[in-house]
Protein backbone atom coordinates (compact mmCIF):
# COMPACT_ATOMS: atom_id res chain seq x y z
CA MET A 1 99.39 148.20 103.00
CA LYS A 2 98.50 145.58 105.58
CA LEU A 3 96.31 142.50 105.30
CA ALA A 4 95.47 139.34 107.22
CA VAL A 5 95.71 135.91 105.57
CA ILE A 6 93.54 132.99 106.70
CA SER A 7 93.35 129.44 105.39
CA ASP A 8 92.07 125.95 106.15
CA ILE A 9 89.26 126.87 108.53
CA HIS A 10 87.60 123.46 108.08
CA GLY A 11 84.33 124.56 109.67
CA ASN A 12 85.88 125.57 112.98
CA ILE A 13 83.73 128.63 113.63
CA ALA A 14 85.18 129.22 117.10
CA ALA A 15 88.72 129.44 115.72
CA LEU A 16 87.58 131.68 112.86
CA GLU A 17 85.82 134.09 115.21
CA ALA A 18 88.91 134.22 117.45
CA VAL A 19 91.14 135.06 114.49
CA LEU A 20 88.78 137.74 113.19
CA ASP A 21 88.58 139.27 116.67
CA ASP A 22 92.39 139.40 116.75
CA VAL A 23 92.46 140.96 113.29
CA ARG A 24 90.01 143.66 114.39
CA ARG A 25 92.02 144.31 117.55
CA ARG A 26 95.06 144.99 115.39
CA GLY A 27 93.11 147.40 113.19
CA ILE A 28 93.54 145.35 109.99
CA GLU A 29 90.71 145.92 107.52
CA THR A 30 91.58 143.54 104.67
CA VAL A 31 91.35 139.75 105.00
CA VAL A 32 92.03 137.18 102.27
CA ASN A 33 91.13 133.50 102.52
CA LEU A 34 93.04 130.60 100.91
CA GLY A 35 90.27 128.01 101.04
CA ASP A 36 89.31 124.67 102.61
CA CYS A 37 86.59 126.53 104.45
CA LEU A 38 83.99 124.00 105.57
CA SER A 39 84.94 120.30 105.50
CA GLY A 40 85.44 118.79 108.95
CA PRO A 41 83.45 117.63 111.99
CA PHE A 42 82.57 121.11 113.27
CA ASP A 43 80.03 123.75 112.18
CA ALA A 44 80.21 124.20 108.42
CA ARG A 45 76.91 126.04 108.17
CA ALA A 46 77.80 128.79 110.64
CA THR A 47 81.24 129.10 109.06
CA ALA A 48 79.79 129.44 105.56
CA ASP A 49 77.24 132.02 106.73
CA LEU A 50 79.95 134.13 108.36
CA LEU A 51 82.29 133.96 105.37
CA MET A 52 79.49 134.82 102.97
CA ARG A 53 78.58 137.88 105.06
CA LYS A 54 82.19 139.02 105.25
CA ASN A 55 82.73 138.54 101.51
CA PHE A 56 86.50 138.16 101.84
CA LEU A 57 88.50 137.54 98.69
CA THR A 58 88.59 133.73 98.79
CA VAL A 59 90.06 131.01 96.60
CA ARG A 60 88.70 127.48 96.42
CA GLY A 61 90.56 124.70 98.22
CA ASN A 62 90.57 121.01 97.38
CA HIS A 63 88.10 120.23 100.16
CA ASP A 64 85.82 123.00 98.91
CA ARG A 65 85.95 121.46 95.44
CA LEU A 66 85.15 118.02 96.83
CA LEU A 67 81.81 119.38 98.06
CA ILE A 68 80.70 120.32 94.55
CA ASP A 69 82.44 118.09 91.99
CA ARG A 70 80.93 114.70 92.85
CA PRO A 71 77.74 113.12 94.22
CA PRO A 72 77.47 112.77 98.02
CA ALA A 73 77.91 108.99 97.83
CA GLU A 74 81.42 109.51 96.42
CA MET A 75 82.56 112.15 98.92
CA GLY A 76 85.19 111.57 101.57
CA GLN A 77 84.46 111.57 105.28
CA TRP A 78 85.41 115.21 105.83
CA GLU A 79 82.73 116.22 103.29
CA THR A 80 80.03 113.73 104.29
CA TRP A 81 80.18 115.09 107.84
CA VAL A 82 78.93 118.47 106.63
CA PHE A 83 77.25 118.16 103.23
CA ASP A 84 73.73 117.73 104.63
CA ASP A 85 74.20 120.82 106.83
CA LEU A 86 74.67 123.05 103.79
CA ASP A 87 72.00 124.68 101.61
CA GLU A 88 72.24 125.24 97.88
CA ARG A 89 73.20 128.87 98.54
CA HIS A 90 76.29 127.67 100.39
CA LEU A 91 77.23 125.36 97.53
CA ASP A 92 76.63 128.16 95.02
CA TRP A 93 79.04 130.32 97.00
CA ILE A 94 81.68 127.58 96.78
CA ARG A 95 81.05 127.24 93.03
CA SER A 96 81.70 130.97 92.65
CA LEU A 97 85.19 130.79 94.19
CA PRO A 98 88.15 131.02 91.80
CA GLN A 99 91.11 128.64 91.88
CA VAL A 100 93.56 131.55 92.07
CA ALA A 101 93.19 135.29 92.67
CA ARG A 102 95.18 138.46 93.33
CA ASN A 103 94.94 141.39 95.69
CA GLY A 104 97.16 144.07 94.23
CA GLU A 105 100.71 142.71 94.39
CA VAL A 106 99.65 139.61 96.34
CA PHE A 107 98.91 136.29 94.57
CA LEU A 108 96.54 133.77 96.19
CA CYS A 109 96.21 130.03 95.67
CA HIS A 110 95.24 127.16 97.94
CA ALA A 111 98.12 124.74 97.32
CA THR A 112 100.14 125.67 94.22
CA PRO A 113 99.26 127.95 91.29
CA ASP A 114 98.42 124.92 89.14
CA SER A 115 96.91 122.50 91.65
CA ASP A 116 94.67 122.60 94.71
CA GLU A 117 96.27 119.41 96.08
CA GLU A 118 100.05 119.63 95.57
CA ASN A 119 102.19 120.80 98.46
CA TRP A 120 104.31 123.84 97.56
CA LEU A 121 106.73 124.47 100.43
CA ASP A 122 106.83 120.95 101.90
CA TYR A 123 106.50 117.33 100.84
CA ARG A 124 105.49 114.12 102.56
CA GLY A 125 108.84 112.64 103.48
CA PRO A 126 110.37 109.78 105.48
CA GLY A 127 108.63 109.04 108.72
CA HIS A 128 105.38 110.18 107.09
CA ARG A 129 105.92 113.76 108.14
CA LEU A 130 106.21 117.03 106.22
CA ILE A 131 109.74 117.93 105.09
CA ALA A 132 110.75 121.36 103.76
CA ARG A 133 111.33 121.37 100.00
CA ASP A 134 114.64 122.43 98.46
CA LEU A 135 114.91 125.83 96.79
CA ALA A 136 114.71 124.53 93.21
CA GLU A 137 111.42 122.76 93.94
CA VAL A 138 109.92 125.85 95.55
CA GLU A 139 111.08 128.08 92.71
CA PHE A 140 109.57 125.73 90.12
CA HIS A 141 106.00 126.59 91.16
CA ALA A 142 106.87 130.29 91.42
CA SER A 143 108.23 130.51 87.87
CA GLY A 144 106.37 133.04 85.77
CA LEU A 145 104.64 134.65 88.74
CA GLU A 146 105.74 138.27 88.86
CA TYR A 147 104.29 139.00 92.28
CA PRO A 148 106.35 140.13 95.27
CA VAL A 149 104.12 138.02 97.55
CA MET A 150 102.58 134.61 96.89
CA LEU A 151 100.22 132.90 99.34
CA CYS A 152 99.43 129.22 99.77
CA GLY A 153 97.81 127.02 102.39
CA HIS A 154 96.78 123.35 102.22
CA THR A 155 99.48 121.77 104.41
CA HIS A 156 98.35 123.40 107.69
CA SER A 157 102.02 124.15 108.29
CA PRO A 158 102.90 127.84 108.89
CA ARG A 159 105.91 128.84 106.77
CA VAL A 160 107.59 131.97 105.43
CA VAL A 161 110.01 131.49 102.54
CA ARG A 162 111.89 134.29 100.78
CA LEU A 163 113.32 133.42 97.37
CA PRO A 164 116.78 134.72 96.39
CA ASP A 165 115.15 137.30 94.09
CA GLY A 166 113.24 138.72 97.08
CA ARG A 167 109.81 137.28 96.37
CA LEU A 168 107.98 136.08 99.47
CA ILE A 169 105.94 132.87 99.78
CA VAL A 170 103.76 132.58 102.88
CA ASN A 171 101.68 129.73 104.26
CA PRO A 172 99.65 131.08 107.22
CA GLY A 173 98.91 127.64 108.64
CA SER A 174 95.43 126.45 109.52
CA VAL A 175 92.81 128.52 111.31
CA GLY A 176 90.81 125.54 112.50
CA CYS A 177 92.74 122.27 112.10
CA PRO A 178 96.15 122.37 113.83
CA ALA A 179 96.77 118.63 113.40
CA TYR A 180 95.38 115.77 111.35
CA LEU A 181 95.83 112.06 110.74
CA ASP A 182 95.46 110.80 107.16
CA THR A 183 94.75 107.07 107.21
CA ARG A 184 94.01 106.62 103.51
CA GLY A 185 97.45 105.16 102.72
CA GLU A 186 99.07 101.96 103.94
CA THR A 187 100.93 103.96 106.59
CA PRO A 188 99.08 106.83 108.30
CA PHE A 189 100.41 110.32 107.63
CA VAL A 190 100.57 112.74 110.55
CA GLN A 191 100.77 116.53 110.52
CA GLN A 192 100.69 118.33 113.86
CA THR A 193 101.76 121.81 114.90
CA GLY A 194 101.97 120.92 118.58
CA ALA A 195 99.66 123.73 119.72
CA PRO A 196 95.87 124.08 119.44
CA ASP A 197 95.97 127.79 118.60
CA ALA A 198 94.20 129.23 115.56
CA ARG A 199 96.80 130.30 113.00
CA TYR A 200 96.90 133.14 110.50
CA ALA A 201 99.41 135.54 108.97
CA ILE A 202 99.78 139.30 108.68
CA LEU A 203 101.36 140.83 105.59
CA GLU A 204 102.65 144.38 105.57
CA GLU A 205 104.31 146.50 102.89
CA LEU A 206 106.73 149.11 104.16
CA ASN A 207 108.54 151.35 101.67
CA GLY A 208 108.18 148.77 98.93
CA ASP A 209 109.35 145.82 101.05
CA TRP A 210 107.00 143.09 102.25
CA ARG A 211 107.21 141.35 105.61
CA ALA A 212 105.14 138.55 107.09
CA ASP A 213 104.25 137.73 110.68
CA LEU A 214 102.84 134.33 111.65
CA CYS A 215 100.22 134.58 114.40
CA ALA A 216 98.87 131.99 116.84
CA VAL A 217 95.63 132.86 118.64
CA PRO A 218 94.50 130.88 121.71
CA TYR A 219 90.75 130.31 121.97
CA ASP A 220 88.19 128.13 123.72
CA ALA A 221 87.79 125.03 121.54
CA SER A 222 85.51 123.11 123.91
CA ASP A 223 82.39 123.49 121.75
CA MET A 224 84.27 122.35 118.67
CA ALA A 225 85.67 119.37 120.55
CA GLN A 226 82.14 118.38 121.55
CA LEU A 227 80.95 118.58 117.94
CA ALA A 228 83.87 116.44 116.79
CA LYS A 229 83.25 113.93 119.57
CA ALA A 230 79.61 113.63 118.57
CA ARG A 231 80.72 112.65 115.06
CA GLY A 232 83.19 110.09 116.40
CA ALA A 233 86.17 112.17 115.26
CA GLU A 234 88.46 111.59 118.25
CA ASN A 235 91.60 112.65 116.36
CA TRP A 236 89.99 116.03 115.71
CA VAL A 237 89.10 116.31 119.41
CA ARG A 238 92.79 115.88 120.26
CA ALA A 239 93.84 118.25 117.49
CA VAL A 240 91.75 121.22 118.61
CA THR A 241 92.34 120.49 122.30
CA ILE A 242 96.12 119.96 122.41
CA GLY A 243 97.42 120.40 118.85
CA TRP A 244 98.62 116.78 118.55
CA VAL A 245 97.02 113.62 117.17
CA ALA A 246 99.80 111.03 117.55
């Protein structure tokens, strides 16, 4: 069994198309999506249309939820950029997405099994950067999940963790947002992968054992950079162009 794992597209249709082209080139037929599909200064409408046509198994991310659980006046900037570009059919699709799902032996969630906002494999540490969690903290969220593979996104940080009992936890990274700057707190938080490539993961089961490969796909982000620039999102321009914001 082999499948591709995507997450955190954030409306970056160019990155999504590049990843799906790479998936097809590798002959992989099954794709699962860990959410945060549309919010961002890019092309949410085209992204939603493509995902709806593909009908991938998809779970709802926190930024997907923020498009449907409050009035537009109370939405954050990432949502207000795109809300008016979406039709009711797009919002109905988001409403239909589950918080968690499974594909055979593979468990899907956006952040953790119980929350669409809590970081699973990392935490916001000193220096306002992501720090890898200790084993006990990672195992806490995996307790009671009898799946050999568990998938999460949310942090935009590609990670593969294997627990002592053999279970695998994989974060594929972000398809469309390789770096971001969160200025909501007193001190800005920065996450940056240092490369503008579109990220995803490949899972493969061989003789009962699961392995994961993290993939980075280069693509032409110039159109996305122009869309972000038109919305005044200069940090996003830097993110998709060079993979850094700070």
